[in-house]
PDB file of all heavy atoms in Angstrom:
ATOM      1  N   ASP A   1       0.443  10.804  60.851  1.00  0.00           N
ATOM      2  CA  ASP A   1      -0.971  11.154  61.002  1.00  0.00           C
ATOM      3  C   ASP A   1      -1.258  12.567  60.522  1.00  0.00           C
ATOM      4  O   ASP A   1      -2.368  12.849  60.021  1.00  0.00           O
ATOM      5  CB  ASP A   1      -1.327  11.077  62.513  1.00  0.00           C
ATOM      6  CG  ASP A   1      -1.431   9.665  63.020  1.00  0.00           C
ATOM      7  OD1 ASP A   1      -1.583   8.718  62.204  1.00  0.00           O
ATOM      8  OD2 ASP A   1      -1.375   9.450  64.268  1.00  0.00           O
ATOM      9  N   SER A   2      -0.294  13.464  60.597  1.00  0.00           N
ATOM     10  CA  SER A   2      -0.485  14.827  60.183  1.00  0.00           C
ATOM     11  C   SER A   2      -0.715  15.017  58.703  1.00  0.00           C
ATOM     12  O   SER A   2      -1.179  16.093  58.300  1.00  0.00           O
ATOM     13  CB  SER A   2       0.694  15.685  60.659  1.00  0.00           C
ATOM     14  OG  SER A   2       1.909  15.255  60.074  1.00  0.00           O
ATOM     15  N   VAL A   3      -0.340  14.036  57.874  1.00  0.00           N
ATOM     16  CA  VAL A   3      -0.470  14.180  56.441  1.00  0.00           C
ATOM     17  C   VAL A   3      -1.430  13.181  55.814  1.00  0.00           C
ATOM     18  O   VAL A   3      -1.701  13.266  54.591  1.00  0.00           O
ATOM     19  CB  VAL A   3       0.892  14.125  55.741  1.00  0.00           C
ATOM     20  CG1 VAL A   3       1.887  15.087  56.329  1.00  0.00           C
ATOM     21  CG2 VAL A   3       1.461  12.674  55.785  1.00  0.00           C
ATOM     22  N   LYS A   4      -1.983  12.272  56.600  1.00  0.00           N
ATOM     23  CA  LYS A   4      -2.906  11.285  56.061  1.00  0.00           C
ATOM     24  C   LYS A   4      -4.100  11.978  55.407  1.00  0.00           C
ATOM     25  O   LYS A   4      -4.702  12.900  55.971  1.00  0.00           O
ATOM     26  CB  LYS A   4      -3.400  10.343  57.194  1.00  0.00           C
ATOM     27  CG  LYS A   4      -2.341   9.364  57.606  1.00  0.00           C
ATOM     28  CD  LYS A   4      -2.919   8.391  58.689  1.00  0.00           C
ATOM     29  CE  LYS A   4      -1.896   7.402  59.106  1.00  0.00           C
ATOM     30  NZ  LYS A   4      -2.409   6.543  60.240  1.00  0.00           N
ATOM     31  N   GLY A   5      -4.466  11.489  54.233  1.00  0.00           N
ATOM     32  CA  GLY A   5      -5.583  12.074  53.517  1.00  0.00           C
ATOM     33  C   GLY A   5      -5.223  13.237  52.612  1.00  0.00           C
ATOM     34  O   GLY A   5      -6.054  13.678  51.830  1.00  0.00           O
ATOM     35  N   ARG A   6      -4.029  13.770  52.799  1.00  0.00           N
ATOM     36  CA  ARG A   6      -3.607  14.952  52.032  1.00  0.00           C
ATOM     37  C   ARG A   6      -2.391  14.610  51.120  1.00  0.00           C
ATOM     38  O   ARG A   6      -2.278  15.131  50.046  1.00  0.00           O
ATOM     39  CB  ARG A   6      -3.220  16.134  52.928  1.00  0.00           C
ATOM     40  CG  ARG A   6      -4.399  16.602  53.824  1.00  0.00           C
ATOM     41  CD  ARG A   6      -4.010  17.845  54.577  1.00  0.00           C
ATOM     42  NE  ARG A   6      -2.885  17.659  55.473  1.00  0.00           N
ATOM     43  CZ  ARG A   6      -1.756  18.318  55.418  1.00  0.00           C
ATOM     44  NH1 ARG A   6      -1.545  19.230  54.457  1.00  0.00           N
ATOM     45  NH2 ARG A   6      -0.788  18.103  56.278  1.00  0.00           N
ATOM     46  N   PHE A   7      -1.462  13.800  51.629  1.00  0.00           N
ATOM     47  CA  PHE A   7      -0.240  13.441  50.868  1.00  0.00           C
ATOM     48  C   PHE A   7      -0.363  11.995  50.375  1.00  0.00           C
ATOM     49  O   PHE A   7      -0.923  11.154  51.003  1.00  0.00           O
ATOM     50  CB  PHE A   7       1.019  13.542  51.762  1.00  0.00           C
ATOM     51  CG  PHE A   7       1.384  14.963  52.189  1.00  0.00           C
ATOM     52  CD1 PHE A   7       0.530  16.034  51.994  1.00  0.00           C
ATOM     53  CD2 PHE A   7       2.578  15.155  52.852  1.00  0.00           C
ATOM     54  CE1 PHE A   7       0.875  17.292  52.377  1.00  0.00           C
ATOM     55  CE2 PHE A   7       2.933  16.436  53.240  1.00  0.00           C
ATOM     56  CZ  PHE A   7       2.114  17.505  53.036  1.00  0.00           C
ATOM     57  N   THR A   8       0.309  11.767  49.209  1.00  0.00           N
ATOM     58  CA  THR A   8       0.348  10.439  48.669  1.00  0.00           C
ATOM     59  C   THR A   8       1.749  10.158  48.177  1.00  0.00           C
ATOM     60  O   THR A   8       2.347  10.904  47.354  1.00  0.00           O
ATOM     61  CB  THR A   8      -0.565  10.272  47.469  1.00  0.00           C
ATOM     62  OG1 THR A   8      -1.944  10.575  47.888  1.00  0.00           O
ATOM     63  CG2 THR A   8      -0.527   8.868  46.905  1.00  0.00           C
ATOM     64  N   ILE A   9       2.349   9.050  48.665  1.00  0.00           N
ATOM     65  CA  ILE A   9       3.716   8.655  48.223  1.00  0.00           C
ATOM     66  C   ILE A   9       3.550   7.567  47.155  1.00  0.00           C
ATOM     67  O   ILE A   9       2.658   6.720  47.252  1.00  0.00           O
ATOM     68  CB  ILE A   9       4.576   8.152  49.390  1.00  0.00           C
ATOM     69  CG1 ILE A   9       6.031   7.926  48.915  1.00  0.00           C
ATOM     70  CG2 ILE A   9       3.986   6.913  50.052  1.00  0.00           C
ATOM     71  CD1 ILE A   9       7.016   7.626  50.055  1.00  0.00           C
ATOM     72  N   SER A  10       4.351   7.576  46.143  1.00  0.00           N
ATOM     73  CA  SER A  10       4.332   6.561  45.108  1.00  0.00           C
ATOM     74  C   SER A  10       5.744   6.354  44.588  1.00  0.00           C
ATOM     75  O   SER A  10       6.660   7.079  44.936  1.00  0.00           O
ATOM     76  CB  SER A  10       3.394   6.940  43.962  1.00  0.00           C
ATOM     77  OG  SER A  10       3.850   8.207  43.354  1.00  0.00           O
ATOM     78  N   ARG A  11       5.941   5.315  43.761  1.00  0.00           N
ATOM     79  CA  ARG A  11       7.248   5.095  43.163  1.00  0.00           C
ATOM     80  C   ARG A  11       7.147   4.417  41.830  1.00  0.00           C
ATOM     81  O   ARG A  11       6.137   3.746  41.519  1.00  0.00           O
ATOM     82  CB  ARG A  11       8.083   4.203  44.124  1.00  0.00           C
ATOM     83  CG  ARG A  11       7.551   2.807  44.321  1.00  0.00           C
ATOM     84  CD  ARG A  11       8.308   2.087  45.502  1.00  0.00           C
ATOM     85  NE  ARG A  11       9.695   1.771  45.155  1.00  0.00           N
ATOM     86  CZ  ARG A  11      10.557   1.357  46.039  1.00  0.00           C
ATOM     87  NH1 ARG A  11      10.241   1.189  47.324  1.00  0.00           N
ATOM     88  NH2 ARG A  11      11.781   1.046  45.668  1.00  0.00           N
ATOM     89  N   ASP A  12       8.172   4.581  41.002  1.00  0.00           N
ATOM     90  CA  ASP A  12       8.336   3.967  39.719  1.00  0.00           C
ATOM     91  C   ASP A  12       9.670   3.199  39.836  1.00  0.00           C
ATOM     92  O   ASP A  12      10.736   3.756  39.690  1.00  0.00           O
ATOM     93  CB  ASP A  12       8.393   4.997  38.602  1.00  0.00           C
ATOM     94  CG  ASP A  12       8.419   4.348  37.234  1.00  0.00           C
ATOM     95  OD1 ASP A  12       8.887   3.196  37.090  1.00  0.00           O
ATOM     96  OD2 ASP A  12       8.034   5.015  36.253  1.00  0.00           O
ATOM     97  N   ASN A  13       9.564   1.886  40.043  1.00  0.00           N
ATOM     98  CA  ASN A  13      10.743   1.074  40.248  1.00  0.00           C
ATOM     99  C   ASN A  13      11.662   0.989  39.004  1.00  0.00           C
ATOM    100  O   ASN A  13      12.856   0.964  39.152  1.00  0.00           O
ATOM    101  CB  ASN A  13      10.323  -0.366  40.663  1.00  0.00           C
ATOM    102  CG  ASN A  13       9.718  -0.452  42.046  1.00  0.00           C
ATOM    103  OD1 ASN A  13       9.991   0.426  42.889  1.00  0.00           O
ATOM    104  ND2 ASN A  13       8.924  -1.447  42.249  1.00  0.00           N
ATOM    105  N   ALA A  14      11.074   1.071  37.817  1.00  0.00           N
ATOM    106  CA  ALA A  14      11.889   1.059  36.603  1.00  0.00           C
ATOM    107  C   ALA A  14      12.752   2.314  36.493  1.00  0.00           C
ATOM    108  O   ALA A  14      13.783   2.268  35.867  1.00  0.00           O
ATOM    109  CB  ALA A  14      10.973   0.904  35.383  1.00  0.00           C
ATOM    110  N   LYS A  15      12.306   3.421  37.099  1.00  0.00           N
ATOM    111  CA  LYS A  15      13.045   4.652  37.028  1.00  0.00           C
ATOM    112  C   LYS A  15      13.799   4.973  38.328  1.00  0.00           C
ATOM    113  O   LYS A  15      14.376   6.053  38.427  1.00  0.00           O
ATOM    114  CB  LYS A  15      12.120   5.828  36.699  1.00  0.00           C
ATOM    115  CG  LYS A  15      11.433   5.711  35.338  1.00  0.00           C
ATOM    116  CD  LYS A  15      10.523   6.875  35.060  1.00  0.00           C
ATOM    117  CE  LYS A  15       9.887   6.769  33.749  1.00  0.00           C
ATOM    118  NZ  LYS A  15       8.964   7.939  33.457  1.00  0.00           N
ATOM    119  N   ASN A  16      13.722   4.098  39.325  1.00  0.00           N
ATOM    120  CA  ASN A  16      14.327   4.291  40.631  1.00  0.00           C
ATOM    121  C   ASN A  16      13.886   5.663  41.170  1.00  0.00           C
ATOM    122  O   ASN A  16      14.740   6.408  41.726  1.00  0.00           O
ATOM    123  CB  ASN A  16      15.845   4.202  40.521  1.00  0.00           C
ATOM    124  CG  ASN A  16      16.277   2.766  40.240  1.00  0.00           C
ATOM    125  OD1 ASN A  16      15.649   1.819  40.710  1.00  0.00           O
ATOM    126  ND2 ASN A  16      17.449   2.680  39.571  1.00  0.00           N
ATOM    127  N   THR A  17      12.656   5.964  41.091  1.00  0.00           N
ATOM    128  CA  THR A  17      12.150   7.255  41.466  1.00  0.00           C
ATOM    129  C   THR A  17      10.980   7.152  42.437  1.00  0.00           C
ATOM    130  O   THR A  17      10.087   6.318  42.250  1.00  0.00           O
ATOM    131  CB  THR A  17      11.749   8.079  40.245  1.00  0.00           C
ATOM    132  OG1 THR A  17      12.876   8.234  39.352  1.00  0.00           O
ATOM    133  CG2 THR A  17      11.235   9.477  40.646  1.00  0.00           C
ATOM    134  N   ALA A  18      10.956   8.023  43.468  1.00  0.00           N
ATOM    135  CA  ALA A  18       9.831   8.145  44.368  1.00  0.00           C
ATOM    136  C   ALA A  18       9.217   9.523  44.237  1.00  0.00           C
ATOM    137  O   ALA A  18       9.944  10.478  43.868  1.00  0.00           O
ATOM    138  CB  ALA A  18      10.239   7.915  45.786  1.00  0.00           C
ATOM    139  N   TYR A  19       7.910   9.626  44.521  1.00  0.00           N
ATOM    140  CA  TYR A  19       7.189  10.854  44.419  1.00  0.00           C
ATOM    141  C   TYR A  19       6.415  11.117  45.716  1.00  0.00           C
ATOM    142  O   TYR A  19       6.062  10.205  46.441  1.00  0.00           O
ATOM    143  CB  TYR A  19       6.210  10.854  43.238  1.00  0.00           C
ATOM    144  CG  TYR A  19       6.826  10.475  41.928  1.00  0.00           C
ATOM    145  CD1 TYR A  19       6.846   9.143  41.505  1.00  0.00           C
ATOM    146  CD2 TYR A  19       7.422  11.409  41.075  1.00  0.00           C
ATOM    147  CE1 TYR A  19       7.426   8.808  40.286  1.00  0.00           C
ATOM    148  CE2 TYR A  19       7.985  11.075  39.882  1.00  0.00           C
ATOM    149  CZ  TYR A  19       7.994   9.781  39.491  1.00  0.00           C
ATOM    150  OH  TYR A  19       8.552   9.429  38.278  1.00  0.00           O
ATOM    151  N   LEU A  20       6.127  12.392  45.984  1.00  0.00           N
ATOM    152  CA  LEU A  20       5.289  12.778  47.050  1.00  0.00           C
ATOM    153  C   LEU A  20       4.314  13.831  46.546  1.00  0.00           C
ATOM    154  O   LEU A  20       4.746  14.959  46.304  1.00  0.00           O
ATOM    155  CB  LEU A  20       6.051  13.305  48.254  1.00  0.00           C
ATOM    156  CG  LEU A  20       5.237  13.611  49.501  1.00  0.00           C
ATOM    157  CD1 LEU A  20       4.655  12.332  50.131  1.00  0.00           C
ATOM    158  CD2 LEU A  20       6.040  14.357  50.521  1.00  0.00           C
ATOM    159  N   GLN A  21       3.037  13.465  46.346  1.00  0.00           N
ATOM    160  CA  GLN A  21       2.005  14.400  45.947  1.00  0.00           C
ATOM    161  C   GLN A  21       1.450  15.024  47.213  1.00  0.00           C
ATOM    162  O   GLN A  21       0.925  14.301  48.091  1.00  0.00           O
ATOM    163  CB  GLN A  21       0.899  13.685  45.158  1.00  0.00           C
ATOM    164  CG  GLN A  21      -0.209  14.572  44.725  1.00  0.00           C
ATOM    165  CD  GLN A  21       0.235  15.628  43.733  1.00  0.00           C
ATOM    166  OE1 GLN A  21       0.910  15.313  42.770  1.00  0.00           O
ATOM    167  NE2 GLN A  21      -0.168  16.867  43.927  1.00  0.00           N
ATOM    168  N   MET A  22       1.504  16.332  47.348  1.00  0.00           N
ATOM    169  CA  MET A  22       1.108  17.032  48.492  1.00  0.00           C
ATOM    170  C   MET A  22      -0.083  17.954  48.117  1.00  0.00           C
ATOM    171  O   MET A  22       0.077  18.874  47.338  1.00  0.00           O
ATOM    172  CB  MET A  22       2.195  17.844  49.127  1.00  0.00           C
ATOM    173  CG  MET A  22       3.443  17.022  49.470  1.00  0.00           C
ATOM    174  SD  MET A  22       4.741  18.006  50.316  1.00  0.00           S
ATOM    175  CE  MET A  22       5.180  19.065  48.926  1.00  0.00           C
ATOM    176  N   ASN A  23      -1.260  17.650  48.682  1.00  0.00           N
ATOM    177  CA  ASN A  23      -2.435  18.434  48.420  1.00  0.00           C
ATOM    178  C   ASN A  23      -2.925  19.101  49.686  1.00  0.00           C
ATOM    179  O   ASN A  23      -2.522  18.674  50.828  1.00  0.00           O
ATOM    180  CB  ASN A  23      -3.540  17.592  47.853  1.00  0.00           C
ATOM    181  CG  ASN A  23      -3.224  16.906  46.524  1.00  0.00           C
ATOM    182  OD1 ASN A  23      -2.497  17.555  45.692  1.00  0.00           O
ATOM    183  ND2 ASN A  23      -3.720  15.742  46.275  1.00  0.00           N
ATOM    184  N   SER A  24      -3.800  20.100  49.545  1.00  0.00           N
ATOM    185  CA  SER A  24      -4.374  20.815  50.705  1.00  0.00           C
ATOM    186  C   SER A  24      -3.274  21.209  51.704  1.00  0.00           C
ATOM    187  O   SER A  24      -3.387  21.023  52.880  1.00  0.00           O
ATOM    188  CB  SER A  24      -5.427  19.905  51.404  1.00  0.00           C
ATOM    189  OG  SER A  24      -6.463  19.539  50.527  1.00  0.00           O
ATOM    190  N   LEU A  25      -2.233  21.841  51.146  1.00  0.00           N
ATOM    191  CA  LEU A  25      -1.060  22.192  52.000  1.00  0.00           C
ATOM    192  C   LEU A  25      -1.475  23.279  53.009  1.00  0.00           C
ATOM    193  O   LEU A  25      -2.284  24.135  52.779  1.00  0.00           O
ATOM    194  CB  LEU A  25       0.072  22.711  51.089  1.00  0.00           C
ATOM    195  CG  LEU A  25       0.847  21.644  50.356  1.00  0.00           C
ATOM    196  CD1 LEU A  25       1.606  22.223  49.179  1.00  0.00           C
ATOM    197  CD2 LEU A  25       1.749  20.913  51.339  1.00  0.00           C
ATOM    198  N   LYS A  26      -0.844  23.128  54.207  1.00  0.00           N
ATOM    199  CA  LYS A  26      -1.052  24.020  55.317  1.00  0.00           C
ATOM    200  C   LYS A  26       0.240  24.713  55.684  1.00  0.00           C
ATOM    201  O   LYS A  26       1.324  24.183  55.405  1.00  0.00           O
ATOM    202  CB  LYS A  26      -1.567  23.228  56.514  1.00  0.00           C
ATOM    203  CG  LYS A  26      -2.799  22.398  56.283  1.00  0.00           C
ATOM    204  CD  LYS A  26      -3.093  21.550  57.496  1.00  0.00           C
ATOM    205  CE  LYS A  26      -4.366  20.710  57.292  1.00  0.00           C
ATOM    206  NZ  LYS A  26      -4.668  19.862  58.496  1.00  0.00           N
ATOM    207  N   PRO A  27       0.226  25.899  56.296  1.00  0.00           N
ATOM    208  CA  PRO A  27       1.403  26.558  56.724  1.00  0.00           C
ATOM    209  C   PRO A  27       2.332  25.648  57.578  1.00  0.00           C
ATOM    210  O   PRO A  27       3.574  25.776  57.490  1.00  0.00           O
ATOM    211  CB  PRO A  27       0.933  27.742  57.536  1.00  0.00           C
ATOM    212  CG  PRO A  27      -0.373  28.073  56.890  1.00  0.00           C
ATOM    213  CD  PRO A  27      -0.985  26.743  56.544  1.00  0.00           C
ATOM    214  N   GLU A  28       1.764  24.786  58.418  1.00  0.00           N
ATOM    215  CA  GLU A  28       2.560  23.894  59.240  1.00  0.00           C
ATOM    216  C   GLU A  28       3.277  22.838  58.422  1.00  0.00           C
ATOM    217  O   GLU A  28       4.114  22.105  59.012  1.00  0.00           O
ATOM    218  CB  GLU A  28       1.721  23.289  60.342  1.00  0.00           C
ATOM    219  CG  GLU A  28       0.431  22.645  59.826  1.00  0.00           C
ATOM    220  CD  GLU A  28      -0.778  23.557  60.009  1.00  0.00           C
ATOM    221  OE1 GLU A  28      -0.676  24.768  59.653  1.00  0.00           O
ATOM    222  OE2 GLU A  28      -1.808  23.042  60.472  1.00  0.00           O
ATOM    223  N   ASP A  29       2.999  22.703  57.117  1.00  0.00           N
ATOM    224  CA  ASP A  29       3.771  21.810  56.304  1.00  0.00           C
ATOM    225  C   ASP A  29       5.083  22.404  55.803  1.00  0.00           C
ATOM    226  O   ASP A  29       5.898  21.660  55.213  1.00  0.00           O
ATOM    227  CB  ASP A  29       2.950  21.401  55.044  1.00  0.00           C
ATOM    228  CG  ASP A  29       1.716  20.588  55.367  1.00  0.00           C
ATOM    229  OD1 ASP A  29       1.815  19.720  56.241  1.00  0.00           O
ATOM    230  OD2 ASP A  29       0.668  20.807  54.789  1.00  0.00           O
ATOM    231  N   THR A  30       5.295  23.681  56.093  1.00  0.00           N
ATOM    232  CA  THR A  30       6.542  24.349  55.666  1.00  0.00           C
ATOM    233  C   THR A  30       7.749  23.668  56.330  1.00  0.00           C
ATOM    234  O   THR A  30       7.826  23.524  57.541  1.00  0.00           O
ATOM    235  CB  THR A  30       6.524  25.805  56.071  1.00  0.00           C
ATOM    236  OG1 THR A  30       5.475  26.471  55.352  1.00  0.00           O
ATOM    237  CG2 THR A  30       7.814  26.489  55.746  1.00  0.00           C
ATOM    238  N   ALA A  31       8.678  23.219  55.463  1.00  0.00           N
ATOM    239  CA  ALA A  31       9.856  22.498  55.977  1.00  0.00           C
ATOM    240  C   ALA A  31      10.794  22.242  54.828  1.00  0.00           C
ATOM    241  O   ALA A  31      10.385  22.322  53.632  1.00  0.00           O
ATOM    242  CB  ALA A  31       9.432  21.211  56.669  1.00  0.00           C
ATOM    243  N   ASP A  32      12.005  21.746  55.139  1.00  0.00           N
ATOM    244  CA  ASP A  32      12.879  21.115  54.157  1.00  0.00           C
ATOM    245  C   ASP A  32      12.454  19.640  54.089  1.00  0.00           C
ATOM    246  O   ASP A  32      12.381  18.986  55.098  1.00  0.00           O
ATOM    247  CB  ASP A  32      14.311  21.235  54.535  1.00  0.00           C
ATOM    248  CG  ASP A  32      14.923  22.579  54.300  1.00  0.00           C
ATOM    249  OD1 ASP A  32      14.756  23.083  53.129  1.00  0.00           O
ATOM    250  OD2 ASP A  32      15.550  23.161  55.190  1.00  0.00           O
ATOM    251  N   TYR A  33      12.225  19.148  52.859  1.00  0.00           N
ATOM    252  CA  TYR A  33      11.822  17.766  52.666  1.00  0.00           C
ATOM    253  C   TYR A  33      12.968  16.979  52.123  1.00  0.00           C
ATOM    254  O   TYR A  33      13.551  17.374  51.089  1.00  0.00           O
ATOM    255  CB  TYR A  33      10.594  17.680  51.719  1.00  0.00           C
ATOM    256  CG  TYR A  33       9.312  18.106  52.384  1.00  0.00           C
ATOM    257  CD1 TYR A  33       9.048  19.435  52.741  1.00  0.00           C
ATOM    258  CD2 TYR A  33       8.364  17.179  52.697  1.00  0.00           C
ATOM    259  CE1 TYR A  33       7.926  19.814  53.376  1.00  0.00           C
ATOM    260  CE2 TYR A  33       7.183  17.540  53.328  1.00  0.00           C
ATOM    261  CZ  TYR A  33       6.921  18.867  53.669  1.00  0.00           C
ATOM    262  OH  TYR A  33       5.786  19.209  54.277  1.00  0.00           O
ATOM    263  N   TYR A  34      13.224  15.819  52.726  1.00  0.00           N
ATOM    264  CA  TYR A  34      14.372  14.991  52.390  1.00  0.00           C
ATOM    265  C   TYR A  34      13.918  13.614  51.944  1.00  0.00           C
ATOM    266  O   TYR A  34      13.101  12.968  52.579  1.00  0.00           O
ATOM    267  CB  TYR A  34      15.295  14.806  53.601  1.00  0.00           C
ATOM    268  CG  TYR A  34      15.941  16.112  54.081  1.00  0.00           C
ATOM    269  CD1 TYR A  34      15.278  16.915  55.010  1.00  0.00           C
ATOM    270  CD2 TYR A  34      17.155  16.535  53.583  1.00  0.00           C
ATOM    271  CE1 TYR A  34      15.851  18.055  55.479  1.00  0.00           C
ATOM    272  CE2 TYR A  34      17.747  17.681  54.026  1.00  0.00           C
ATOM    273  CZ  TYR A  34      17.150  18.478  54.957  1.00  0.00           C
ATOM    274  OH  TYR A  34      17.703  19.617  55.424  1.00  0.00           O
ATOM    275  N   CYS A  35      14.434  13.185  50.800  1.00  0.00           N
ATOM    276  CA  CYS A  35      14.217  11.839  50.314  1.00  0.00           C
ATOM    277  C   CYS A  35      15.181  10.874  51.001  1.00  0.00           C
ATOM    278  O   CYS A  35      16.345  11.240  51.240  1.00  0.00           O
ATOM    279  CB  CYS A  35      14.349  11.788  48.828  1.00  0.00           C
ATOM    280  SG  CYS A  35      14.068  10.167  48.088  1.00  0.00           S
ATOM    281  N   ASN A  36      14.739   9.654  51.230  1.00  0.00           N
ATOM    282  CA  ASN A  36      15.561   8.594  51.819  1.00  0.00           C
ATOM    283  C   ASN A  36      15.365   7.292  51.036  1.00  0.00           C
ATOM    284  O   ASN A  36      14.166   6.991  50.714  1.00  0.00           O
ATOM    285  CB  ASN A  36      15.304   8.408  53.301  1.00  0.00           C
ATOM    286  CG  ASN A  36      16.126   7.325  53.931  1.00  0.00           C
ATOM    287  OD1 ASN A  36      15.687   6.182  54.000  1.00  0.00           O
ATOM    288  ND2 ASN A  36      17.332   7.664  54.361  1.00  0.00           N
ATOM    289  N   ALA A  37      16.430   6.559  50.810  1.00  0.00           N
ATOM    290  CA  ALA A  37      16.270   5.292  50.055  1.00  0.00           C
ATOM    291  C   ALA A  37      17.194   4.260  50.680  1.00  0.00           C
ATOM    292  O   ALA A  37      18.391   4.527  50.906  1.00  0.00           O
ATOM    293  CB  ALA A  37      16.570   5.476  48.584  1.00  0.00           C
ATOM    294  N   ASP A  38      16.706   3.064  50.901  1.00  0.00           N
ATOM    295  CA  ASP A  38      17.439   1.925  51.372  1.00  0.00           C
ATOM    296  C   ASP A  38      17.917   1.132  50.147  1.00  0.00           C
ATOM    297  O   ASP A  38      17.116   0.503  49.463  1.00  0.00           O
ATOM    298  CB  ASP A  38      16.633   1.068  52.263  1.00  0.00           C
ATOM    299  CG  ASP A  38      17.368  -0.130  52.928  1.00  0.00           C
ATOM    300  OD1 ASP A  38      18.562  -0.263  52.667  1.00  0.00           O
ATOM    301  OD2 ASP A  38      16.756  -0.842  53.689  1.00  0.00           O
ATOM    302  N   VAL A  39      19.225   1.270  49.804  1.00  0.00           N
ATOM    303  CA  VAL A  39      19.747   0.822  48.524  1.00  0.00           C
ATOM    304  C   VAL A  39      20.745  -0.296  48.620  1.00  0.00           C
ATOM    305  O   VAL A  39      21.604  -0.247  49.484  1.00  0.00           O
ATOM    306  CB  VAL A  39      20.395   2.028  47.744  1.00  0.00           C
ATOM    307  CG1 VAL A  39      20.877   1.555  46.369  1.00  0.00           C
ATOM    308  CG2 VAL A  39      19.411   3.179  47.614  1.00  0.00           C
ATOM    309  N   ARG A  40      20.642  -1.274  47.781  1.00  0.00           N
ATOM    310  CA  ARG A  40      21.651  -2.307  47.654  1.00  0.00           C
ATOM    311  C   ARG A  40      22.504  -1.932  46.430  1.00  0.00           C
ATOM    312  O   ARG A  40      22.000  -1.747  45.345  1.00  0.00           O
ATOM    313  CB  ARG A  40      21.012  -3.697  47.442  1.00  0.00           C
ATOM    314  CG  ARG A  40      22.039  -4.833  47.411  1.00  0.00           C
ATOM    315  CD  ARG A  40      21.371  -6.116  47.096  1.00  0.00           C
ATOM    316  NE  ARG A  40      22.299  -7.268  47.112  1.00  0.00           N
ATOM    317  CZ  ARG A  40      22.123  -8.440  46.516  1.00  0.00           C
ATOM    318  NH1 ARG A  40      21.000  -8.654  45.820  1.00  0.00           N
ATOM    319  NH2 ARG A  40      23.046  -9.368  46.562  1.00  0.00           N
ATOM    320  N   VAL A  41      23.842  -1.795  46.611  1.00  0.00           N
ATOM    321  CA  VAL A  41      24.703  -1.361  45.522  1.00  0.00           C
ATOM    322  C   VAL A  41      25.758  -2.442  45.280  1.00  0.00           C
ATOM    323  O   VAL A  41      26.040  -3.297  46.073  1.00  0.00           O
ATOM    324  CB  VAL A  41      25.425  -0.037  45.898  1.00  0.00           C
ATOM    325  CG1 VAL A  41      24.361   1.034  46.137  1.00  0.00           C
ATOM    326  CG2 VAL A  41      26.342  -0.184  47.084  1.00  0.00           C
ATOM    327  N   TYR A  42      26.434  -2.308  44.116  1.00  0.00           N
ATOM    328  CA  TYR A  42      27.498  -3.230  43.726  1.00  0.00           C
ATOM    329  C   TYR A  42      28.651  -2.367  43.220  1.00  0.00           C
ATOM    330  O   TYR A  42      28.547  -1.550  42.267  1.00  0.00           O
ATOM    331  CB  TYR A  42      27.039  -4.170  42.611  1.00  0.00           C
ATOM    332  CG  TYR A  42      28.124  -5.119  42.148  1.00  0.00           C
ATOM    333  CD1 TYR A  42      28.694  -6.034  43.024  1.00  0.00           C
ATOM    334  CD2 TYR A  42      28.485  -5.168  40.830  1.00  0.00           C
ATOM    335  CE1 TYR A  42      29.674  -6.910  42.624  1.00  0.00           C
ATOM    336  CE2 TYR A  42      29.489  -6.050  40.373  1.00  0.00           C
ATOM    337  CZ  TYR A  42      30.050  -6.896  41.297  1.00  0.00           C
ATOM    338  OH  TYR A  42      31.007  -7.808  40.850  1.00  0.00           O
ATOM    339  N   THR A  43      29.827  -2.523  43.833  1.00  0.00           N
ATOM    340  CA  THR A  43      31.003  -1.748  43.477  1.00  0.00           C
ATOM    341  C   THR A  43      31.850  -2.331  42.346  1.00  0.00           C
ATOM    342  O   THR A  43      32.752  -1.668  41.868  1.00  0.00           O
ATOM    343  CB  THR A  43      31.929  -1.565  44.685  1.00  0.00           C
ATOM    344  OG1 THR A  43      32.466  -2.822  45.043  1.00  0.00           O
ATOM    345  CG2 THR A  43      31.158  -0.964  45.884  1.00  0.00           C
ATOM    346  N   GLY A  44      31.548  -3.574  41.927  1.00  0.00           N
ATOM    347  CA  GLY A  44      32.381  -4.298  41.013  1.00  0.00           C
ATOM    348  C   GLY A  44      33.084  -5.428  41.707  1.00  0.00           C
ATOM    349  O   GLY A  44      33.575  -6.376  41.083  1.00  0.00           O
TER     350      GLY A  44
END
């Protein structure tokens, strides 16, 4: 709720990449930001 209307998450599946566009930033947004991904892998 604290970021609705200000932040936008998106992804490019072909590049295995996610983005977070952060607009109208506030001092209370100050933090370490961590990406998380639920991944299916194959070891061989």
